[in-house]
Amino acid sequence: MTLRFIGTTSEHGNCPTLYEVEETGDIVVQGDKLTDPEHLAQLRNTKESETFVIVPRALLARFAPKE
């Protein structure tokens, strides 16, 4: 899998950041992990293998694919 950097709204090279999987066009999101048990309890149909990150709206609005 080859990742292509799309963009970030971080000022110091930390998260949040978006990448594109070149082979499939899928998006990989780097962000702060959602860990609050109360918030996690609100998620639906989760799998043990999944993790959840918080993505600022500004990052998606600026860099998300517009199809």
Protein backbone atom coordinates (compact mmCIF):
# COMPACT_ATOMS: atom_id res chain seq x y z
CA MET A 1 0.00 0.00 0.00
CA THR A 2 1.35 3.42 -0.98
CA LEU A 3 0.13 6.50 0.90
CA ARG A 4 0.06 9.96 -0.65
CA PHE A 5 -0.01 12.92 1.73
CA ILE A 6 -3.10 15.05 1.06
CA GLY A 7 -2.89 17.75 3.70
CA THR A 8 -3.00 18.83 7.30
CA THR A 9 -4.29 21.73 9.33
CA SER A 10 -1.61 21.09 11.97
CA GLU A 11 0.86 23.89 12.57
CA HIS A 12 3.61 21.68 13.99
CA GLY A 13 3.53 18.47 11.94
CA ASN A 14 1.25 16.57 14.31
CA CYS A 15 -2.22 15.29 13.56
CA PRO A 16 -4.76 15.77 12.07
CA THR A 17 -3.66 14.68 8.61
CA LEU A 18 -5.24 13.06 5.56
CA TYR A 19 -3.60 10.55 3.21
CA GLU A 20 -4.84 8.78 0.09
CA VAL A 21 -4.16 5.11 -0.63
CA GLU A 22 -2.82 5.42 -4.17
CA GLU A 23 -3.91 1.95 -5.27
CA THR A 24 -7.56 2.33 -4.22
CA GLY A 25 -8.28 6.02 -3.65
CA ASP A 26 -9.33 5.26 -0.06
CA ILE A 27 -8.57 7.86 2.61
CA VAL A 28 -6.47 7.29 5.74
CA VAL A 29 -7.08 9.68 8.64
CA GLN A 30 -4.52 10.53 11.30
CA GLY A 31 -6.04 12.14 14.37
CA ASP A 32 -6.41 12.08 18.12
CA LYS A 33 -7.85 8.77 19.28
CA LEU A 34 -11.36 8.87 20.70
CA THR A 35 -11.02 7.27 24.15
CA ASP A 36 -13.87 8.60 26.31
CA PRO A 37 -16.01 5.56 27.24
CA GLU A 38 -19.21 7.63 27.15
CA HIS A 39 -18.49 8.77 23.59
CA LEU A 40 -17.39 5.30 22.46
CA ALA A 41 -20.67 3.85 23.79
CA GLN A 42 -22.56 6.03 21.29
CA LEU A 43 -20.85 4.45 18.26
CA ARG A 44 -22.75 1.81 16.27
CA ASN A 45 -21.73 -1.52 14.77
CA THR A 46 -18.11 -1.32 15.84
CA LYS A 47 -15.59 -4.11 15.37
CA GLU A 48 -12.81 -5.01 17.79
CA SER A 49 -10.25 -4.24 15.06
CA GLU A 50 -11.49 -0.65 14.55
CA THR A 51 -10.27 2.54 16.15
CA PHE A 52 -11.84 5.97 16.05
CA VAL A 53 -10.23 9.36 15.61
CA ILE A 54 -11.50 12.90 15.90
CA VAL A 55 -11.26 14.86 12.63
CA PRO A 56 -11.71 18.63 12.66
CA ARG A 57 -14.35 19.80 10.19
CA ALA A 58 -11.86 22.35 8.80
CA LEU A 59 -9.51 19.56 7.72
CA LEU A 60 -12.21 17.72 5.80
CA ALA A 61 -13.63 20.88 4.26
CA ARG A 62 -10.19 21.90 3.03
CA PHE A 63 -8.76 18.60 1.78
CA ALA A 64 -11.45 15.92 1.39
CA PRO A 65 -12.07 14.72 -2.17
CA LYS A 66 -14.93 16.55 -3.82
CA GLU A 67 -16.65 13.95 -5.98
